[in-house]
């Protein structure tokens, strides 16, 4: 086997499109499909082959890479691809699907003889476009020679968490990491909202914590998006973050842990989406603090 593969990318949103481009840059043959074809069409200029149906995209694939909104969308798409799937094909499943979702997807893979890799990624638009994602991966040793060139093309680091994708160890680690990301995002928005309400200049707060243990690059990055009005295009969209927050909350409930911050983050994100900010960066949860949706 050579390192040049035929990869089918199903889902070409913010993350999937960037991953497809990096696979092309690495010299792989890439077939792409997206539910809304217009989102996949720009990839043709980069050398990707566009498919009208999932089954058309996967027929010759060594690797199928899914990066869709959630587990349900992924399962529905793979069912549409099923007539053309070949036993032994590597399936790299990178959607954050949650614990129940991963179990359902792994069962589908088993039923169709696919080598299943639970492989969510850590990172947003910018690292995705730069091929600097962190891939969290679990899957059989026997297919890693095929999966690894894909991981190397889309990421700067691969963290292996186990050899059984169905066990969801990579997804579990992703949910833990995202719980921190979402908590920090919610705290950033609320801090800026309180500063606005109390007529405290944001710079006064940032100067107060500068260089100390309360300072952090992520706080400044997300605050900058809010204060500068740079919420579009999204690094990670409000609607997707809300979905992940609910998956985190559900995972906690399933294992007897109450996650109040995750639940509150989900509510804030859903409220921001209801105010018209669903396609903006998740930092737009800031607007959930105001009934009238003020400017930053």
Protein backbone atom coordinates (compact mmCIF):
# COMPACT_ATOMS: atom_id res chain seq x y z
CA UNK A 1 0.00 0.00 0.00
CA UNK A 2 1.22 3.51 -0.78
CA UNK A 3 0.58 6.59 1.29
CA UNK A 4 -1.56 8.02 -1.51
CA UNK A 5 -5.16 7.14 -0.79
CA UNK A 6 -8.62 7.71 -2.16
CA UNK A 7 -10.56 9.46 0.59
CA UNK A 8 -14.28 10.21 0.62
CA UNK A 9 -15.18 13.25 2.74
CA UNK A 10 -18.86 13.32 3.68
CA UNK A 11 -19.74 16.74 5.11
CA UNK A 12 -17.95 19.84 3.85
CA UNK A 13 -18.90 22.51 6.36
CA UNK A 14 -16.35 24.61 8.24
CA UNK A 15 -14.26 21.64 9.33
CA UNK A 16 -14.91 19.12 6.56
CA UNK A 17 -13.99 21.52 3.75
CA UNK A 18 -10.71 22.43 5.44
CA UNK A 19 -9.90 18.76 6.03
CA UNK A 20 -10.65 17.93 2.40
CA UNK A 21 -8.31 20.67 1.17
CA UNK A 22 -5.50 19.42 3.37
CA UNK A 23 -6.01 15.89 2.12
CA UNK A 24 -5.71 17.21 -1.44
CA UNK A 25 -2.55 19.13 -0.55
CA UNK A 26 -1.09 15.90 0.83
CA UNK A 27 -1.57 14.28 -2.58
CA UNK A 28 -4.60 12.10 -1.86
CA UNK A 29 -7.49 11.64 -4.27
CA UNK A 30 -10.54 13.18 -2.61
CA UNK A 31 -14.24 12.69 -3.33
CA UNK A 32 -16.60 15.03 -1.49
CA UNK A 33 -20.30 15.14 -0.77
CA UNK A 34 -22.40 17.60 1.18
CA UNK A 35 -26.14 17.75 1.78
CA UNK A 36 -26.10 21.30 0.39
CA UNK A 37 -24.07 20.86 -2.78
CA UNK A 38 -23.13 24.54 -2.94
CA UNK A 39 -20.92 24.09 0.13
CA UNK A 40 -18.93 21.37 -1.63
CA UNK A 41 -18.62 23.01 -5.05
CA UNK A 42 -15.68 25.33 -4.19
CA UNK A 43 -13.58 22.22 -3.49
CA UNK A 44 -13.70 21.28 -7.17
CA UNK A 45 -11.28 24.13 -7.89
CA UNK A 46 -8.82 22.47 -5.48
CA UNK A 47 -9.08 19.15 -7.32
CA UNK A 48 -11.81 17.33 -5.42
CA UNK A 49 -14.34 15.13 -7.20
CA UNK A 50 -17.91 16.17 -6.38
CA UNK A 51 -20.58 13.57 -5.77
CA UNK A 52 -24.34 14.06 -5.84
CA UNK A 53 -25.00 11.19 -3.44
CA UNK A 54 -23.04 9.63 -0.56
CA UNK A 55 -22.97 6.27 -2.36
CA UNK A 56 -21.38 7.91 -5.40
CA UNK A 57 -18.64 9.38 -3.19
CA UNK A 58 -17.60 6.21 -1.35
CA UNK A 59 -17.46 3.55 -4.05
CA UNK A 60 -13.69 3.69 -4.64
CA UNK A 61 -12.66 4.97 -1.21
CA UNK A 62 -9.84 3.53 0.88
CA UNK A 63 -11.04 5.80 3.68
CA UNK A 64 -14.42 7.37 4.36
CA UNK A 65 -14.15 10.49 6.53
CA UNK A 66 -17.38 11.81 8.05
CA UNK A 67 -17.62 15.34 9.46
CA UNK A 68 -21.33 16.07 9.77
CA UNK A 69 -23.44 17.96 12.30
CA UNK A 70 -24.24 15.11 14.68
CA UNK A 71 -24.57 11.38 15.08
CA UNK A 72 -28.05 11.21 13.58
CA UNK A 73 -26.99 13.04 10.42
CA UNK A 74 -23.94 10.80 10.14
CA UNK A 75 -25.91 7.60 10.49
CA UNK A 76 -28.49 8.75 7.93
CA UNK A 77 -25.70 9.66 5.48
CA UNK A 78 -23.89 6.36 5.91
CA UNK A 79 -27.13 4.48 5.33
CA UNK A 80 -27.41 6.32 2.02
CA UNK A 81 -23.81 5.36 1.26
CA UNK A 82 -24.31 1.72 2.27
CA UNK A 83 -24.99 0.24 -1.21
CA UNK A 84 -21.50 1.29 -2.36
CA UNK A 85 -19.50 0.61 0.83
CA UNK A 86 -16.89 -2.12 0.51
CA UNK A 87 -16.07 -4.41 3.46
CA UNK A 88 -12.66 -3.59 4.89
CA UNK A 89 -12.92 0.13 4.13
CA UNK A 90 -11.56 2.37 6.87
CA UNK A 91 -14.18 4.70 8.32
CA UNK A 92 -12.76 7.74 10.14
CA UNK A 93 -15.70 9.18 12.08
CA UNK A 94 -14.80 12.73 13.16
CA UNK A 95 -18.22 14.13 14.06
CA UNK A 96 -18.72 14.86 17.76
CA UNK A 97 -21.56 12.38 18.07
CA UNK A 98 -21.78 11.76 21.83
CA UNK A 99 -21.63 8.44 23.62
CA UNK A 100 -24.89 6.99 22.32
CA UNK A 101 -24.19 8.28 18.83
CA UNK A 102 -20.77 6.64 18.63
CA UNK A 103 -22.23 3.33 19.77
CA UNK A 104 -24.83 3.47 16.99
CA UNK A 105 -22.24 4.36 14.37
CA UNK A 106 -19.90 1.59 15.51
CA UNK A 107 -22.76 -0.90 15.25
CA UNK A 108 -23.40 0.25 11.67
CA UNK A 109 -19.70 -0.18 10.87
CA UNK A 110 -19.70 -3.68 12.32
CA UNK A 111 -22.77 -4.61 10.31
CA UNK A 112 -21.09 -3.52 7.07
CA UNK A 113 -17.59 -4.87 7.73
CA UNK A 114 -15.95 -1.45 8.04
CA UNK A 115 -12.84 -0.71 10.11
CA UNK A 116 -14.24 1.88 12.51
CA UNK A 117 -12.14 4.72 13.94
CA UNK A 118 -13.67 7.01 16.53
CA UNK A 119 -11.68 10.12 15.63
CA UNK A 120 -13.11 13.48 16.75
CA UNK A 121 -10.79 16.46 16.39
CA UNK A 122 -9.82 19.28 18.71
CA UNK A 123 -9.61 22.65 17.00
CA UNK A 124 -11.67 25.18 15.07
CA UNK A 125 -11.66 26.78 11.61
CA UNK A 126 -8.18 28.30 11.71
CA UNK A 127 -6.24 25.20 12.83
CA UNK A 128 -8.39 23.08 10.52
CA UNK A 129 -7.43 25.22 7.54
CA UNK A 130 -3.76 25.06 8.56
CA UNK A 131 -3.80 21.28 9.04
CA UNK A 132 -3.03 21.79 12.72
CA UNK A 133 -5.91 19.93 14.35
CA UNK A 134 -5.38 17.47 17.16
CA UNK A 135 -6.93 14.13 16.25
CA UNK A 136 -8.24 12.00 19.10
CA UNK A 137 -8.33 8.46 17.75
CA UNK A 138 -9.38 4.98 18.75
CA UNK A 139 -9.51 2.03 16.39
CA UNK A 140 -8.00 -1.29 15.39
CA UNK A 141 -4.24 -1.59 14.95
CA UNK A 142 -4.78 -3.48 11.70
CA UNK A 143 -6.03 -0.43 9.81
CA UNK A 144 -3.80 2.26 11.25
CA UNK A 145 -1.41 2.26 8.29
CA UNK A 146 -4.38 3.43 6.21
CA UNK A 147 -5.89 5.82 8.75
CA UNK A 148 -2.63 7.49 9.80
CA UNK A 149 -1.90 9.31 6.50
CA UNK A 150 -5.36 10.87 6.79
CA UNK A 151 -4.70 11.97 10.36
CA UNK A 152 -1.30 13.34 9.35
CA UNK A 153 -2.85 15.39 6.54
CA UNK A 154 -5.50 17.07 8.68
CA UNK A 155 -3.72 17.35 12.02
CA UNK A 156 -0.45 18.22 13.70
CA UNK A 157 -0.87 15.59 16.41
CA UNK A 158 -2.73 12.32 16.85
CA UNK A 159 -3.57 11.12 20.35
CA UNK A 160 -4.43 7.42 20.39
CA UNK A 161 -6.84 6.48 23.15
CA UNK A 162 -7.46 2.79 22.42
CA UNK A 163 -7.93 0.05 19.84
CA UNK A 164 -11.71 -0.25 20.01
CA UNK A 165 -13.53 2.62 18.33
CA UNK A 166 -16.86 1.28 19.59
CA UNK A 167 -15.77 1.89 23.19
CA UNK A 168 -15.84 5.64 22.49
CA UNK A 169 -12.65 6.47 24.38
CA UNK A 170 -11.74 9.23 21.90
CA UNK A 171 -15.23 10.72 22.10
CA UNK A 172 -15.07 10.63 25.89
CA UNK A 173 -11.85 12.62 25.86
CA UNK A 174 -13.33 15.05 23.32
CA UNK A 175 -16.39 15.66 25.52
CA UNK A 176 -14.14 16.38 28.52
CA UNK A 177 -12.06 18.83 26.48
CA UNK A 178 -15.12 20.52 25.03
CA UNK A 179 -16.66 20.90 28.48
CA UNK A 180 -13.72 23.16 29.36
CA UNK A 181 -13.90 25.05 26.05
CA UNK A 182 -17.62 25.74 26.46
CA UNK A 183 -17.29 26.75 30.11
CA UNK A 184 -14.50 29.20 29.23
CA UNK A 185 -16.54 30.59 26.34
CA UNK A 186 -19.60 31.13 28.52
CA UNK A 187 -17.52 32.77 31.24
CA UNK A 188 -15.91 35.10 28.71
CA UNK A 189 -19.28 36.28 27.41
CA UNK A 190 -20.76 36.77 30.86
CA UNK A 191 -17.71 38.70 32.06
CA UNK A 192 -17.94 41.11 29.13
CA UNK A 193 -21.70 41.43 29.57
CA UNK A 194 -21.29 42.30 33.26
CA UNK A 195 -18.54 44.79 32.42
CA UNK A 196 -20.89 46.48 29.94
CA UNK A 197 -23.74 46.56 32.45
CA UNK A 198 -21.53 48.05 35.18
CA UNK A 199 -19.82 50.50 32.79
CA UNK A 200 -16.41 48.91 33.33
CA UNK A 201 -14.04 49.22 30.38
CA UNK A 202 -12.96 45.73 29.21
CA UNK A 203 -9.35 46.91 29.05
CA UNK A 204 -9.48 47.69 32.77
CA UNK A 205 -10.32 44.03 33.43
CA UNK A 206 -7.66 42.74 31.05
CA UNK A 207 -5.02 45.04 32.58
CA UNK A 208 -6.01 43.81 36.04
CA UNK A 209 -5.39 40.13 35.23
CA UNK A 210 -2.51 40.60 32.77
CA UNK A 211 0.30 38.12 33.26
CA UNK A 212 -1.27 36.50 36.31
CA UNK A 213 -2.85 33.10 36.90
CA UNK A 214 -6.30 34.41 35.86
CA UNK A 215 -5.08 35.48 32.44
CA UNK A 216 -5.41 33.14 29.47
CA UNK A 217 -4.99 33.36 25.72
CA UNK A 218 -8.37 31.79 25.01
CA UNK A 219 -10.16 34.47 27.05
CA UNK A 220 -8.44 37.22 25.09
CA UNK A 221 -9.06 35.53 21.73
CA UNK A 222 -12.80 35.04 22.26
CA UNK A 223 -13.22 38.45 23.89
CA UNK A 224 -11.49 40.00 20.89
CA UNK A 225 -14.00 38.43 18.52
CA UNK A 226 -16.86 39.93 20.53
CA UNK A 227 -15.37 43.38 21.05
CA UNK A 228 -14.18 43.72 17.45
CA UNK A 229 -17.38 42.34 15.93
CA UNK A 230 -15.50 39.50 14.19
CA UNK A 231 -18.01 36.74 14.87
CA UNK A 232 -18.37 35.77 11.20
CA UNK A 233 -17.13 33.62 9.65
CA UNK A 234 -17.39 31.38 12.68
CA UNK A 235 -14.42 29.49 14.05
CA UNK A 236 -16.96 27.18 15.70
CA UNK A 237 -20.63 27.98 15.26
CA UNK A 238 -23.14 28.65 18.03
CA UNK A 239 -25.50 25.90 16.85
CA UNK A 240 -22.75 23.28 16.79
CA UNK A 241 -21.49 24.35 20.21
CA UNK A 242 -25.04 24.09 21.59
CA UNK A 243 -25.28 20.55 20.26
CA UNK A 244 -21.98 19.62 21.91
CA UNK A 245 -23.03 21.19 25.20
CA UNK A 246 -26.15 19.02 25.27
CA UNK A 247 -24.06 15.93 24.50
CA UNK A 248 -21.78 16.78 27.43
CA UNK A 249 -24.76 17.31 29.73
CA UNK A 250 -26.27 13.99 28.64
CA UNK A 251 -22.98 12.14 29.15
CA UNK A 252 -22.78 13.48 32.69
CA UNK A 253 -26.36 12.46 33.45
CA UNK A 254 -25.73 8.98 32.08
CA UNK A 255 -22.82 8.54 34.46
CA UNK A 256 -24.40 10.13 37.51
CA UNK A 257 -22.68 13.52 37.31
CA UNK A 258 -24.59 16.80 37.36
CA UNK A 259 -22.99 19.32 35.00
CA UNK A 260 -24.66 22.62 35.78
CA UNK A 261 -22.23 24.72 33.74
CA UNK A 262 -22.68 22.56 30.64
CA UNK A 263 -26.46 22.79 30.98
CA UNK A 264 -26.30 26.57 31.41
CA UNK A 265 -23.91 26.87 28.46
CA UNK A 266 -26.34 24.93 26.28
CA UNK A 267 -29.18 27.24 27.32
CA UNK A 268 -27.09 30.36 26.60
CA UNK A 269 -26.05 29.08 23.19
CA UNK A 270 -29.59 28.08 22.27
CA UNK A 271 -30.84 31.50 23.37
CA UNK A 272 -28.16 33.21 21.26
CA UNK A 273 -29.21 31.10 18.28
CA UNK A 274 -32.80 32.16 18.88
CA UNK A 275 -31.66 35.79 18.70
CA UNK A 276 -30.24 35.17 15.22
CA UNK A 277 -26.62 34.32 16.05
CA UNK A 278 -26.70 30.59 15.27
CA UNK A 279 -24.21 30.74 12.39
CA UNK A 280 -21.80 33.06 14.21
CA UNK A 281 -18.84 32.04 16.32
CA UNK A 282 -19.78 30.45 19.63
CA UNK A 283 -18.44 33.56 21.37
CA UNK A 284 -21.75 35.11 20.26
CA UNK A 285 -23.28 33.39 23.30
CA UNK A 286 -22.40 36.80 24.76
CA UNK A 287 -25.65 38.12 23.27
CA UNK A 288 -27.68 35.70 25.38
CA UNK A 289 -27.06 38.03 28.34
CA UNK A 290 -29.26 40.71 26.80
CA UNK A 291 -32.92 40.53 25.89
CA UNK A 292 -32.49 43.27 23.29
CA UNK A 293 -29.31 41.89 21.71
CA UNK A 294 -26.98 44.92 22.01
CA UNK A 295 -23.81 45.45 20.04
CA UNK A 296 -20.58 44.71 21.89
